[in-house]
Amino acid sequence: MLFVCYPKCTTCQKAKKWLDGQGVPYEERDIKLDRPTESELRAWHQKSGLPLRRFFNTSGLQYKALGLKDKLPEMSEDEQYALLATDGMLVKRPLMVGEDFALPGFKEAEWADKLKKD
């Protein structure tokens, strides 16, 4: 599994500690140093079954600075993917990606349920 995170993010630190406590093997990737590509984002979005807006870090400084709350509804999916790929800090984190799933944001119960099934 791929664990995409920002090491300074406290939620990411909490998720990593939880994964380690569960003994879940994963490959860690720093979202700021190695930002997701547009094709990765498309694939992860498809695996997640979630609305694309759930992949945006709506609490982030960059999201707010760009005024994305008002701009996203007017943007096409292609434009949103392209924007997400420009800056890893725009992407909701942490992000756990498995063979057939992608979970943006850390919700312990959701992660536990998904990892039990796989």
PDB file of N, CA and C in Angstrom:
ATOM      1  N   MET A   1       0.838  -1.179   0.000  1.00  0.00           N
ATOM      2  CA  MET A   1       0.000   0.000   0.000  1.00  0.00           C
ATOM      3  C   MET A   1       0.877   1.234   0.000  1.00  0.00           C
ATOM      4  N   LEU A   2       0.305   2.299  -0.518  1.00  0.00           N
ATOM      5  CA  LEU A   2       1.000   3.571  -0.583  1.00  0.00           C
ATOM      6  C   LEU A   2       0.372   4.513   0.432  1.00  0.00           C
ATOM      7  N   PHE A   3       1.209   5.099   1.274  1.00  0.00           N
ATOM      8  CA  PHE A   3       0.775   6.063   2.283  1.00  0.00           C
ATOM      9  C   PHE A   3       1.351   7.412   1.869  1.00  0.00           C
ATOM     10  N   VAL A   4       0.478   8.283   1.359  1.00  0.00           N
ATOM     11  CA  VAL A   4       0.899   9.592   0.879  1.00  0.00           C
ATOM     12  C   VAL A   4       0.607  10.598   1.990  1.00  0.00           C
ATOM     13  N   CYS A   5       1.662  11.298   2.422  1.00  0.00           N
ATOM     14  CA  CYS A   5       1.491  12.172   3.576  1.00  0.00           C
ATOM     15  C   CYS A   5       2.417  13.386   3.506  1.00  0.00           C
ATOM     16  N   TYR A   6       2.207  14.307   4.435  1.00  0.00           N
ATOM     17  CA  TYR A   6       3.107  15.426   4.664  1.00  0.00           C
ATOM     18  C   TYR A   6       3.621  15.228   6.080  1.00  0.00           C
ATOM     19  N   PRO A   7       4.908  14.914   6.236  1.00  0.00           N
ATOM     20  CA  PRO A   7       5.445  14.540   7.546  1.00  0.00           C
ATOM     21  C   PRO A   7       5.184  15.536   8.681  1.00  0.00           C
ATOM     22  N   LYS A   8       5.029  16.806   8.377  1.00  0.00           N
ATOM     23  CA  LYS A   8       4.794  17.807   9.428  1.00  0.00           C
ATOM     24  C   LYS A   8       3.330  17.903   9.844  1.00  0.00           C
ATOM     25  N   CYS A   9       2.451  17.258   9.106  1.00  0.00           N
ATOM     26  CA  CYS A   9       1.011  17.291   9.382  1.00  0.00           C
ATOM     27  C   CYS A   9       0.689  16.375  10.564  1.00  0.00           C
ATOM     28  N   THR A  10       0.029  16.917  11.581  1.00  0.00           N
ATOM     29  CA  THR A  10      -0.269  16.113  12.768  1.00  0.00           C
ATOM     30  C   THR A  10      -1.247  14.972  12.469  1.00  0.00           C
ATOM     31  N   THR A  11      -2.187  15.189  11.564  1.00  0.00           N
ATOM     32  CA  THR A  11      -3.111  14.113  11.194  1.00  0.00           C
ATOM     33  C   THR A  11      -2.352  12.990  10.489  1.00  0.00           C
ATOM     34  N   CYS A  12      -1.398  13.352   9.650  1.00  0.00           N
ATOM     35  CA  CYS A  12      -0.574  12.346   8.972  1.00  0.00           C
ATOM     36  C   CYS A  12       0.256  11.567   9.983  1.00  0.00           C
ATOM     37  N   GLN A  13       0.800  12.274  10.970  1.00  0.00           N
ATOM     38  CA  GLN A  13       1.586  11.613  12.016  1.00  0.00           C
ATOM     39  C   GLN A  13       0.714  10.630  12.794  1.00  0.00           C
ATOM     40  N   LYS A  14      -0.506  11.044  13.095  1.00  0.00           N
ATOM     41  CA  LYS A  14      -1.449  10.183  13.818  1.00  0.00           C
ATOM     42  C   LYS A  14      -1.778   8.940  12.986  1.00  0.00           C
ATOM     43  N   ALA A  15      -2.020   9.137  11.674  1.00  0.00           N
ATOM     44  CA  ALA A  15      -2.344   8.020  10.787  1.00  0.00           C
ATOM     45  C   ALA A  15      -1.168   7.050  10.679  1.00  0.00           C
ATOM     46  N   LYS A  16       0.036   7.592  10.570  1.00  0.00           N
ATOM     47  CA  LYS A  16       1.226   6.746  10.471  1.00  0.00           C
ATOM     48  C   LYS A  16       1.413   5.919  11.747  1.00  0.00           C
ATOM     49  N   LYS A  17       1.220   6.560  12.873  1.00  0.00           N
ATOM     50  CA  LYS A  17       1.331   5.856  14.158  1.00  0.00           C
ATOM     51  C   LYS A  17       0.288   4.740  14.232  1.00  0.00           C
ATOM     52  N   TRP A  18      -0.920   5.027  13.766  1.00  0.00           N
ATOM     53  CA  TRP A  18      -1.989   4.031  13.768  1.00  0.00           C
ATOM     54  C   TRP A  18      -1.622   2.861  12.859  1.00  0.00           C
ATOM     55  N   LEU A  19      -1.156   3.158  11.636  1.00  0.00           N
ATOM     56  CA  LEU A  19      -0.759   2.100  10.694  1.00  0.00           C
ATOM     57  C   LEU A  19       0.333   1.224  11.300  1.00  0.00           C
ATOM     58  N   ASP A  20       1.329   1.864  11.888  1.00  0.00           N
ATOM     59  CA  ASP A  20       2.421   1.114  12.509  1.00  0.00           C
ATOM     60  C   ASP A  20       1.909   0.236  13.653  1.00  0.00           C
ATOM     61  N   GLY A  21       0.974   0.789  14.436  1.00  0.00           N
ATOM     62  CA  GLY A  21       0.383   0.041  15.544  1.00  0.00           C
ATOM     63  C   GLY A  21      -0.425  -1.163  15.078  1.00  0.00           C
ATOM     64  N   GLN A  22      -0.974  -1.072  13.877  1.00  0.00           N
ATOM     65  CA  GLN A  22      -1.747  -2.174  13.302  1.00  0.00           C
ATOM     66  C   GLN A  22      -0.857  -3.170  12.563  1.00  0.00           C
ATOM     67  N   GLY A  23       0.410  -2.819  12.398  1.00  0.00           N
ATOM     68  CA  GLY A  23       1.337  -3.686  11.674  1.00  0.00           C
ATOM     69  C   GLY A  23       1.079  -3.714  10.174  1.00  0.00           C
ATOM     70  N   VAL A  24       0.536  -2.627   9.650  1.00  0.00           N
ATOM     71  CA  VAL A  24       0.212  -2.550   8.224  1.00  0.00           C
ATOM     72  C   VAL A  24       1.468  -2.144   7.437  1.00  0.00           C
ATOM     73  N   PRO A  25       1.880  -2.966   6.472  1.00  0.00           N
ATOM     74  CA  PRO A  25       3.035  -2.581   5.652  1.00  0.00           C
ATOM     75  C   PRO A  25       2.629  -1.532   4.618  1.00  0.00           C
ATOM     76  N   TYR A  26       3.488  -0.549   4.412  1.00  0.00           N
ATOM     77  CA  TYR A  26       3.177   0.509   3.452  1.00  0.00           C
ATOM     78  C   TYR A  26       4.460   1.165   2.961  1.00  0.00           C
ATOM     79  N   GLU A  27       4.327   1.813   1.820  1.00  0.00           N
ATOM     80  CA  GLU A  27       5.405   2.631   1.278  1.00  0.00           C
ATOM     81  C   GLU A  27       5.002   4.073   1.541  1.00  0.00           C
ATOM     82  N   GLU A  28       5.881   4.836   2.165  1.00  0.00           N
ATOM     83  CA  GLU A  28       5.570   6.228   2.494  1.00  0.00           C
ATOM     84  C   GLU A  28       6.070   7.166   1.401  1.00  0.00           C
ATOM     85  N   ARG A  29       5.243   8.167   1.100  1.00  0.00           N
ATOM     86  CA  ARG A  29       5.599   9.152   0.072  1.00  0.00           C
ATOM     87  C   ARG A  29       5.247  10.551   0.567  1.00  0.00           C
ATOM     88  N   ASP A  30       6.217  11.434   0.535  1.00  0.00           N
ATOM     89  CA  ASP A  30       6.028  12.825   0.967  1.00  0.00           C
ATOM     90  C   ASP A  30       5.306  13.586  -0.141  1.00  0.00           C
ATOM     91  N   ILE A  31       4.117  14.044   0.158  1.00  0.00           N
ATOM     92  CA  ILE A  31       3.256  14.683  -0.841  1.00  0.00           C
ATOM     93  C   ILE A  31       3.810  16.013  -1.343  1.00  0.00           C
ATOM     94  N   LYS A  32       4.663  16.650  -0.532  1.00  0.00           N
ATOM     95  CA  LYS A  32       5.228  17.934  -0.946  1.00  0.00           C
ATOM     96  C   LYS A  32       6.446  17.727  -1.847  1.00  0.00           C
ATOM     97  N   LEU A  33       7.275  16.743  -1.524  1.00  0.00           N
ATOM     98  CA  LEU A  33       8.489  16.481  -2.301  1.00  0.00           C
ATOM     99  C   LEU A  33       8.213  15.675  -3.563  1.00  0.00           C
ATOM    100  N   ASP A  34       7.214  14.812  -3.508  1.00  0.00           N
ATOM    101  CA  ASP A  34       6.879  13.933  -4.636  1.00  0.00           C
ATOM    102  C   ASP A  34       5.370  13.998  -4.853  1.00  0.00           C
ATOM    103  N   ARG A  35       4.936  15.130  -5.393  1.00  0.00           N
ATOM    104  CA  ARG A  35       3.485  15.352  -5.519  1.00  0.00           C
ATOM    105  C   ARG A  35       2.857  14.378  -6.517  1.00  0.00           C
ATOM    106  N   PRO A  36       1.600  14.041  -6.281  1.00  0.00           N
ATOM    107  CA  PRO A  36       0.894  13.120  -7.182  1.00  0.00           C
ATOM    108  C   PRO A  36       0.748  13.700  -8.585  1.00  0.00           C
ATOM    109  N   THR A  37       0.851  12.836  -9.568  1.00  0.00           N
ATOM    110  CA  THR A  37       0.653  13.256 -10.951  1.00  0.00           C
ATOM    111  C   THR A  37      -0.845  13.294 -11.249  1.00  0.00           C
ATOM    112  N   GLU A  38      -1.166  13.931 -12.350  1.00  0.00           N
ATOM    113  CA  GLU A  38      -2.567  13.998 -12.745  1.00  0.00           C
ATOM    114  C   GLU A  38      -3.128  12.595 -12.989  1.00  0.00           C
ATOM    115  N   SER A  39      -2.349  11.730 -13.620  1.00  0.00           N
ATOM    116  CA  SER A  39      -2.844  10.370 -13.892  1.00  0.00           C
ATOM    117  C   SER A  39      -3.013   9.576 -12.596  1.00  0.00           C
ATOM    118  N   GLU A  40      -2.123   9.763 -11.635  1.00  0.00           N
ATOM    119  CA  GLU A  40      -2.294   9.097 -10.336  1.00  0.00           C
ATOM    120  C   GLU A  40      -3.565   9.591  -9.659  1.00  0.00           C
ATOM    121  N   LEU A  41      -3.764  10.891  -9.659  1.00  0.00           N
ATOM    122  CA  LEU A  41      -4.960  11.457  -9.032  1.00  0.00           C
ATOM    123  C   LEU A  41      -6.238  10.925  -9.667  1.00  0.00           C
ATOM    124  N   ARG A  42      -6.226  10.812 -10.990  1.00  0.00           N
ATOM    125  CA  ARG A  42      -7.399  10.259 -11.690  1.00  0.00           C
ATOM    126  C   ARG A  42      -7.663   8.812 -11.248  1.00  0.00           C
ATOM    127  N   ALA A  43      -6.606   8.031 -11.199  1.00  0.00           N
ATOM    128  CA  ALA A  43      -6.743   6.617 -10.810  1.00  0.00           C
ATOM    129  C   ALA A  43      -7.214   6.495  -9.358  1.00  0.00           C
ATOM    130  N   TRP A  44      -6.630   7.286  -8.481  1.00  0.00           N
ATOM    131  CA  TRP A  44      -7.010   7.226  -7.066  1.00  0.00           C
ATOM    132  C   TRP A  44      -8.449   7.685  -6.869  1.00  0.00           C
ATOM    133  N   HIS A  45      -8.834   8.721  -7.570  1.00  0.00           N
ATOM    134  CA  HIS A  45     -10.212   9.205  -7.474  1.00  0.00           C
ATOM    135  C   HIS A  45     -11.183   8.113  -7.911  1.00  0.00           C
ATOM    136  N   GLN A  46     -10.869   7.470  -9.018  1.00  0.00           N
ATOM    137  CA  GLN A  46     -11.736   6.402  -9.521  1.00  0.00           C
ATOM    138  C   GLN A  46     -11.840   5.259  -8.509  1.00  0.00           C
ATOM    139  N   LYS A  47     -10.712   4.875  -7.912  1.00  0.00           N
ATOM    140  CA  LYS A  47     -10.716   3.793  -6.913  1.00  0.00           C
ATOM    141  C   LYS A  47     -11.535   4.163  -5.680  1.00  0.00           C
ATOM    142  N   SER A  48     -11.559   5.443  -5.352  1.00  0.00           N
ATOM    143  CA  SER A  48     -12.204   5.870  -4.107  1.00  0.00           C
ATOM    144  C   SER A  48     -13.721   5.836  -4.187  1.00  0.00           C
ATOM    145  N   GLY A  49     -14.276   6.114  -5.365  1.00  0.00           N
ATOM    146  CA  GLY A  49     -15.721   6.206  -5.497  1.00  0.00           C
ATOM    147  C   GLY A  49     -16.292   7.457  -4.847  1.00  0.00           C
ATOM    148  N   LEU A  50     -15.436   8.394  -4.483  1.00  0.00           N
ATOM    149  CA  LEU A  50     -15.852   9.621  -3.801  1.00  0.00           C
ATOM    150  C   LEU A  50     -15.918  10.792  -4.775  1.00  0.00           C
ATOM    151  N   PRO A  51     -16.618  11.848  -4.396  1.00  0.00           N
ATOM    152  CA  PRO A  51     -16.610  13.054  -5.228  1.00  0.00           C
ATOM    153  C   PRO A  51     -15.176  13.618  -5.276  1.00  0.00           C
ATOM    154  N   LEU A  52     -14.783  14.198  -6.380  1.00  0.00           N
ATOM    155  CA  LEU A  52     -13.431  14.728  -6.542  1.00  0.00           C
ATOM    156  C   LEU A  52     -13.106  15.795  -5.497  1.00  0.00           C
ATOM    157  N   ARG A  53     -14.092  16.552  -5.059  1.00  0.00           N
ATOM    158  CA  ARG A  53     -13.845  17.602  -4.065  1.00  0.00           C
ATOM    159  C   ARG A  53     -13.256  17.039  -2.763  1.00  0.00           C
ATOM    160  N   ARG A  54     -13.508  15.759  -2.495  1.00  0.00           N
ATOM    161  CA  ARG A  54     -12.953  15.132  -1.278  1.00  0.00           C
ATOM    162  C   ARG A  54     -11.433  14.976  -1.355  1.00  0.00           C
ATOM    163  N   PHE A  55     -10.853  15.172  -2.525  1.00  0.00           N
ATOM    164  CA  PHE A  55      -9.408  15.078  -2.689  1.00  0.00           C
ATOM    165  C   PHE A  55      -8.712  16.420  -2.482  1.00  0.00           C
ATOM    166  N   PHE A  56      -9.488  17.470  -2.244  1.00  0.00           N
ATOM    167  CA  PHE A  56      -8.904  18.778  -1.987  1.00  0.00           C
ATOM    168  C   PHE A  56      -8.725  19.002  -0.493  1.00  0.00           C
ATOM    169  N   ASN A  57      -7.585  19.563  -0.126  1.00  0.00           N
ATOM    170  CA  ASN A  57      -7.291  19.907   1.262  1.00  0.00           C
ATOM    171  C   ASN A  57      -7.953  21.253   1.552  1.00  0.00           C
ATOM    172  N   THR A  58      -9.216  21.213   1.903  1.00  0.00           N
ATOM    173  CA  THR A  58     -10.003  22.434   2.078  1.00  0.00           C
ATOM    174  C   THR A  58      -9.564  23.248   3.297  1.00  0.00           C
ATOM    175  N   SER A  59      -8.757  22.666   4.165  1.00  0.00           N
ATOM    176  CA  SER A  59      -8.244  23.390   5.335  1.00  0.00           C
ATOM    177  C   SER A  59      -6.904  24.059   5.051  1.00  0.00           C
ATOM    178  N   GLY A  60      -6.336  23.764   3.900  1.00  0.00           N
ATOM    179  CA  GLY A  60      -4.991  24.247   3.601  1.00  0.00           C
ATOM    180  C   GLY A  60      -4.914  25.715   3.230  1.00  0.00           C
ATOM    181  N   LEU A  61      -3.747  26.289   3.490  1.00  0.00           N
ATOM    182  CA  LEU A  61      -3.512  27.695   3.182  1.00  0.00           C
ATOM    183  C   LEU A  61      -3.617  27.969   1.684  1.00  0.00           C
ATOM    184  N   GLN A  62      -3.092  27.052   0.875  1.00  0.00           N
ATOM    185  CA  GLN A  62      -3.094  27.230  -0.574  1.00  0.00           C
ATOM    186  C   GLN A  62      -4.525  27.226  -1.122  1.00  0.00           C
ATOM    187  N   TYR A  63      -5.340  26.323  -0.605  1.00  0.00           N
ATOM    188  CA  TYR A  63      -6.751  26.232  -1.021  1.00  0.00           C
ATOM    189  C   TYR A  63      -7.448  27.568  -0.759  1.00  0.00           C
ATOM    190  N   LYS A  64      -7.204  28.107   0.419  1.00  0.00           N
ATOM    191  CA  LYS A  64      -7.845  29.368   0.802  1.00  0.00           C
ATOM    192  C   LYS A  64      -7.266  30.541   0.017  1.00  0.00           C
ATOM    193  N   ALA A  65      -5.944  30.553  -0.168  1.00  0.00           N
ATOM    194  CA  ALA A  65      -5.291  31.651  -0.887  1.00  0.00           C
ATOM    195  C   ALA A  65      -5.780  31.741  -2.336  1.00  0.00           C
ATOM    196  N   LEU A  66      -6.066  30.597  -2.929  1.00  0.00           N
ATOM    197  CA  LEU A  66      -6.535  30.563  -4.317  1.00  0.00           C
ATOM    198  C   LEU A  66      -8.049  30.771  -4.443  1.00  0.00           C
ATOM    199  N   GLY A  67      -8.733  30.870  -3.304  1.00  0.00           N
ATOM    200  CA  GLY A  67     -10.183  31.071  -3.319  1.00  0.00           C
ATOM    201  C   GLY A  67     -10.924  29.913  -3.965  1.00  0.00           C
ATOM    202  N   LEU A  68     -10.446  28.689  -3.726  1.00  0.00           N
ATOM    203  CA  LEU A  68     -11.002  27.526  -4.418  1.00  0.00           C
ATOM    204  C   LEU A  68     -12.423  27.170  -3.985  1.00  0.00           C
ATOM    205  N   LYS A  69     -12.814  27.600  -2.812  1.00  0.00           N
ATOM    206  CA  LYS A  69     -14.182  27.312  -2.359  1.00  0.00           C
ATOM    207  C   LYS A  69     -15.192  27.819  -3.392  1.00  0.00           C
ATOM    208  N   ASP A  70     -14.912  28.980  -3.945  1.00  0.00           N
ATOM    209  CA  ASP A  70     -15.824  29.577  -4.926  1.00  0.00           C
ATOM    210  C   ASP A  70     -15.508  29.151  -6.358  1.00  0.00           C
ATOM    211  N   LYS A  71     -14.255  28.802  -6.625  1.00  0.00           N
ATOM    212  CA  LYS A  71     -13.843  28.478  -7.995  1.00  0.00           C
ATOM    213  C   LYS A  71     -14.119  27.033  -8.400  1.00  0.00           C
ATOM    214  N   LEU A  72     -13.985  26.085  -7.459  1.00  0.00           N
ATOM    215  CA  LEU A  72     -14.147  24.662  -7.798  1.00  0.00           C
ATOM    216  C   LEU A  72     -15.468  24.322  -8.478  1.00  0.00           C
ATOM    217  N   PRO A  73     -16.595  24.845  -7.985  1.00  0.00           N
ATOM    218  CA  PRO A  73     -17.864  24.485  -8.627  1.00  0.00           C
ATOM    219  C   PRO A  73     -17.927  24.870 -10.104  1.00  0.00           C
ATOM    220  N   GLU A  74     -17.144  25.862 -10.496  1.00  0.00           N
ATOM    221  CA  GLU A  74     -17.150  26.333 -11.883  1.00  0.00           C
ATOM    222  C   GLU A  74     -16.118  25.614 -12.755  1.00  0.00           C
ATOM    223  N   MET A  75     -15.248  24.835 -12.127  1.00  0.00           N
ATOM    224  CA  MET A  75     -14.167  24.172 -12.862  1.00  0.00           C
ATOM    225  C   MET A  75     -14.582  22.784 -13.340  1.00  0.00           C
ATOM    226  N   SER A  76     -14.073  22.390 -14.505  1.00  0.00           N
ATOM    227  CA  SER A  76     -14.322  21.030 -14.999  1.00  0.00           C
ATOM    228  C   SER A  76     -13.459  20.059 -14.193  1.00  0.00           C
ATOM    229  N   GLU A  77     -13.777  18.766 -14.284  1.00  0.00           N
ATOM    230  CA  GLU A  77     -12.947  17.768 -13.599  1.00  0.00           C
ATOM    231  C   GLU A  77     -11.518  17.813 -14.120  1.00  0.00           C
ATOM    232  N   ASP A  78     -11.348  17.963 -15.429  1.00  0.00           N
ATOM    233  CA  ASP A  78     -10.002  18.026 -16.002  1.00  0.00           C
ATOM    234  C   ASP A  78      -9.210  19.181 -15.396  1.00  0.00           C
ATOM    235  N   GLU A  79      -9.847  20.322 -15.241  1.00  0.00           N
ATOM    236  CA  GLU A  79      -9.180  21.479 -14.635  1.00  0.00           C
ATOM    237  C   GLU A  79      -8.840  21.209 -13.171  1.00  0.00           C
ATOM    238  N   GLN A  80      -9.728  20.523 -12.463  1.00  0.00           N
ATOM    239  CA  GLN A  80      -9.475  20.212 -11.061  1.00  0.00           C
ATOM    240  C   GLN A  80      -8.305  19.239 -10.909  1.00  0.00           C
ATOM    241  N   TYR A  81      -8.256  18.206 -11.755  1.00  0.00           N
ATOM    242  CA  TYR A  81      -7.133  17.267 -11.715  1.00  0.00           C
ATOM    243  C   TYR A  81      -5.823  17.993 -11.987  1.00  0.00           C
ATOM    244  N   ALA A  82      -5.825  18.833 -13.011  1.00  0.00           N
ATOM    245  CA  ALA A  82      -4.616  19.574 -13.380  1.00  0.00           C
ATOM    246  C   ALA A  82      -4.159  20.461 -12.220  1.00  0.00           C
ATOM    247  N   LEU A  83      -5.095  21.118 -11.567  1.00  0.00           N
ATOM    248  CA  LEU A  83      -4.773  21.983 -10.436  1.00  0.00           C
ATOM    249  C   LEU A  83      -4.196  21.177  -9.275  1.00  0.00           C
ATOM    250  N   LEU A  84      -4.836  20.071  -8.918  1.00  0.00           N
ATOM    251  CA  LEU A  84      -4.339  19.222  -7.835  1.00  0.00           C
ATOM    252  C   LEU A  84      -2.908  18.760  -8.099  1.00  0.00           C
ATOM    253  N   ALA A  85      -2.596  18.476  -9.358  1.00  0.00           N
ATOM    254  CA  ALA A  85      -1.274  17.967  -9.708  1.00  0.00           C
ATOM    255  C   ALA A  85      -0.185  19.041  -9.632  1.00  0.00           C
ATOM    256  N   THR A  86      -0.566  20.308  -9.535  1.00  0.00           N
ATOM    257  CA  THR A  86       0.438  21.375  -9.494  1.00  0.00           C
ATOM    258  C   THR A  86       1.064  21.555  -8.123  1.00  0.00           C
ATOM    259  N   ASP A  87       0.368  21.123  -7.069  1.00  0.00           N
ATOM    260  CA  ASP A  87       0.848  21.381  -5.714  1.00  0.00           C
ATOM    261  C   ASP A  87       0.315  20.314  -4.763  1.00  0.00           C
ATOM    262  N   GLY A  88       1.216  19.502  -4.223  1.00  0.00           N
ATOM    263  CA  GLY A  88       0.814  18.438  -3.308  1.00  0.00           C
ATOM    264  C   GLY A  88       0.064  18.950  -2.088  1.00  0.00           C
ATOM    265  N   MET A  89       0.310  20.202  -1.722  1.00  0.00           N
ATOM    266  CA  MET A  89      -0.351  20.748  -0.541  1.00  0.00           C
ATOM    267  C   MET A  89      -1.837  21.029  -0.785  1.00  0.00           C
ATOM    268  N   LEU A  90      -2.277  20.967  -2.025  1.00  0.00           N
ATOM    269  CA  LEU A  90      -3.706  21.112  -2.326  1.00  0.00           C
ATOM    270  C   LEU A  90      -4.463  19.802  -2.114  1.00  0.00           C
ATOM    271  N   VAL A  91      -3.725  18.696  -2.037  1.00  0.00           N
ATOM    272  CA  VAL A  91      -4.334  17.367  -1.956  1.00  0.00           C
ATOM    273  C   VAL A  91      -4.623  16.991  -0.508  1.00  0.00           C
ATOM    274  N   LYS A  92      -5.804  16.473  -0.271  1.00  0.00           N
ATOM    275  CA  LYS A  92      -6.208  15.996   1.062  1.00  0.00           C
ATOM    276  C   LYS A  92      -5.237  14.914   1.514  1.00  0.00           C
ATOM    277  N   ARG A  93      -4.802  15.031   2.730  1.00  0.00           N
ATOM    278  CA  ARG A  93      -3.855  14.064   3.266  1.00  0.00           C
ATOM    279  C   ARG A  93      -4.227  13.704   4.691  1.00  0.00           C
ATOM    280  N   PRO A  94      -3.755  12.574   5.155  1.00  0.00           N
ATOM    281  CA  PRO A  94      -3.009  11.561   4.415  1.00  0.00           C
ATOM    282  C   PRO A  94      -3.922  10.856   3.406  1.00  0.00           C
ATOM    283  N   LEU A  95      -3.271  10.124   2.550  1.00  0.00           N
ATOM    284  CA  LEU A  95      -3.992   9.374   1.525  1.00  0.00           C
ATOM    285  C   LEU A  95      -3.440   7.956   1.521  1.00  0.00           C
ATOM    286  N   MET A  96      -4.319   6.990   1.742  1.00  0.00           N
ATOM    287  CA  MET A  96      -3.928   5.579   1.714  1.00  0.00           C
ATOM    288  C   MET A  96      -4.454   4.984   0.420  1.00  0.00           C
ATOM    289  N   VAL A  97      -3.543   4.406  -0.356  1.00  0.00           N
ATOM    290  CA  VAL A  97      -3.922   3.845  -1.649  1.00  0.00           C
ATOM    291  C   VAL A  97      -3.561   2.364  -1.685  1.00  0.00           C
ATOM    292  N   GLY A  98      -4.572   1.550  -1.916  1.00  0.00           N
ATOM    293  CA  GLY A  98      -4.368   0.114  -2.059  1.00  0.00           C
ATOM    294  C   GLY A  98      -4.652  -0.305  -3.486  1.00  0.00           C
ATOM    295  N   GLU A  99      -4.645  -1.608  -3.705  1.00  0.00           N
ATOM    296  CA  GLU A  99      -4.868  -2.121  -5.058  1.00  0.00           C
ATOM    297  C   GLU A  99      -6.220  -1.714  -5.624  1.00  0.00           C
ATOM    298  N   ASP A 100      -7.242  -1.712  -4.764  1.00  0.00           N
ATOM    299  CA  ASP A 100      -8.582  -1.411  -5.265  1.00  0.00           C
ATOM    300  C   ASP A 100      -9.304  -0.332  -4.456  1.00  0.00           C
ATOM    301  N   PHE A 101      -8.536   0.497  -3.759  1.00  0.00           N
ATOM    302  CA  PHE A 101      -9.165   1.572  -2.988  1.00  0.00           C
ATOM    303  C   PHE A 101      -8.218   2.751  -2.804  1.00  0.00           C
ATOM    304  N   ALA A 102      -8.797   3.888  -2.489  1.00  0.00           N
ATOM    305  CA  ALA A 102      -8.044   5.082  -2.112  1.00  0.00           C
ATOM    306  C   ALA A 102      -8.861   5.807  -1.052  1.00  0.00           C
ATOM    307  N   LEU A 103      -8.226   6.117   0.059  1.00  0.00           N
ATOM    308  CA  LEU A 103      -8.915   6.783   1.166  1.00  0.00           C
ATOM    309  C   LEU A 103      -8.240   8.118   1.470  1.00  0.00           C
ATOM    310  N   PRO A 104      -8.854   9.240   1.067  1.00  0.00           N
ATOM    311  CA  PRO A 104      -8.280  10.541   1.398  1.00  0.00           C
ATOM    312  C   PRO A 104      -8.707  10.987   2.793  1.00  0.00           C
ATOM    313  N   GLY A 105      -7.753  11.499   3.573  1.00  0.00           N
ATOM    314  CA  GLY A 105      -8.058  11.927   4.930  1.00  0.00           C
ATOM    315  C   GLY A 105      -8.034  10.725   5.855  1.00  0.00           C
ATOM    316  N   PHE A 106      -7.719  10.959   7.119  1.00  0.00           N
ATOM    317  CA  PHE A 106      -7.638   9.846   8.071  1.00  0.00           C
ATOM    318  C   PHE A 106      -8.877   9.789   8.944  1.00  0.00           C
ATOM    319  N   LYS A 107      -9.640   8.728   8.741  1.00  0.00           N
ATOM    320  CA  LYS A 107     -10.761   8.402   9.612  1.00  0.00           C
ATOM    321  C   LYS A 107     -10.501   6.981  10.067  1.00  0.00           C
ATOM    322  N   GLU A 108     -10.118   6.837  11.313  1.00  0.00           N
ATOM    323  CA  GLU A 108      -9.660   5.545  11.829  1.00  0.00           C
ATOM    324  C   GLU A 108     -10.631   4.406  11.542  1.00  0.00           C
ATOM    325  N   ALA A 109     -11.912   4.599  11.792  1.00  0.00           N
ATOM    326  CA  ALA A 109     -12.896   3.528  11.587  1.00  0.00           C
ATOM    327  C   ALA A 109     -12.960   3.136  10.106  1.00  0.00           C
ATOM    328  N   GLU A 110     -12.917   4.137   9.231  1.00  0.00           N
ATOM    329  CA  GLU A 110     -12.976   3.877   7.789  1.00  0.00           C
ATOM    330  C   GLU A 110     -11.732   3.110   7.326  1.00  0.00           C
ATOM    331  N   TRP A 111     -10.578   3.519   7.817  1.00  0.00           N
ATOM    332  CA  TRP A 111      -9.337   2.840   7.444  1.00  0.00           C
ATOM    333  C   TRP A 111      -9.322   1.409   7.995  1.00  0.00           C
ATOM    334  N   ALA A 112      -9.744   1.254   9.241  1.00  0.00           N
ATOM    335  CA  ALA A 112      -9.761  -0.080   9.858  1.00  0.00           C
ATOM    336  C   ALA A 112     -10.679  -1.012   9.077  1.00  0.00           C
ATOM    337  N   ASP A 113     -11.841  -0.522   8.694  1.00  0.00           N
ATOM    338  CA  ASP A 113     -12.804  -1.326   7.953  1.00  0.00           C
ATOM    339  C   ASP A 113     -12.231  -1.741   6.608  1.00  0.00           C
ATOM    340  N   LYS A 114     -11.606  -0.806   5.911  1.00  0.00           N
ATOM    341  CA  LYS A 114     -11.045  -1.103   4.588  1.00  0.00           C
ATOM    342  C   LYS A 114      -9.882  -2.071   4.683  1.00  0.00           C
ATOM    343  N   LEU A 115      -9.039  -1.892   5.669  1.00  0.00           N
ATOM    344  CA  LEU A 115      -7.858  -2.751   5.806  1.00  0.00           C
ATOM    345  C   LEU A 115      -8.221  -4.167   6.264  1.00  0.00           C
ATOM    346  N   LYS A 116      -9.347  -4.293   6.979  1.00  0.00           N
ATOM    347  CA  LYS A 116      -9.837  -5.621   7.388  1.00  0.00           C
ATOM    348  C   LYS A 116     -10.240  -6.448   6.179  1.00  0.00           C
ATOM    349  N   LYS A 117     -10.825  -5.760   5.188  1.00  0.00           N
ATOM    350  CA  LYS A 117     -11.335  -6.443   4.005  1.00  0.00           C
ATOM    351  C   LYS A 117     -10.224  -6.856   3.054  1.00  0.00           C
ATOM    352  N   ASP A 118      -9.076  -6.179   3.124  1.00  0.00           N
ATOM    353  CA  ASP A 118      -7.996  -6.463   2.183  1.00  0.00           C
ATOM    354  C   ASP A 118      -6.915  -7.339   2.773  1.00  0.00           C
TER     355      ASP A 118
END
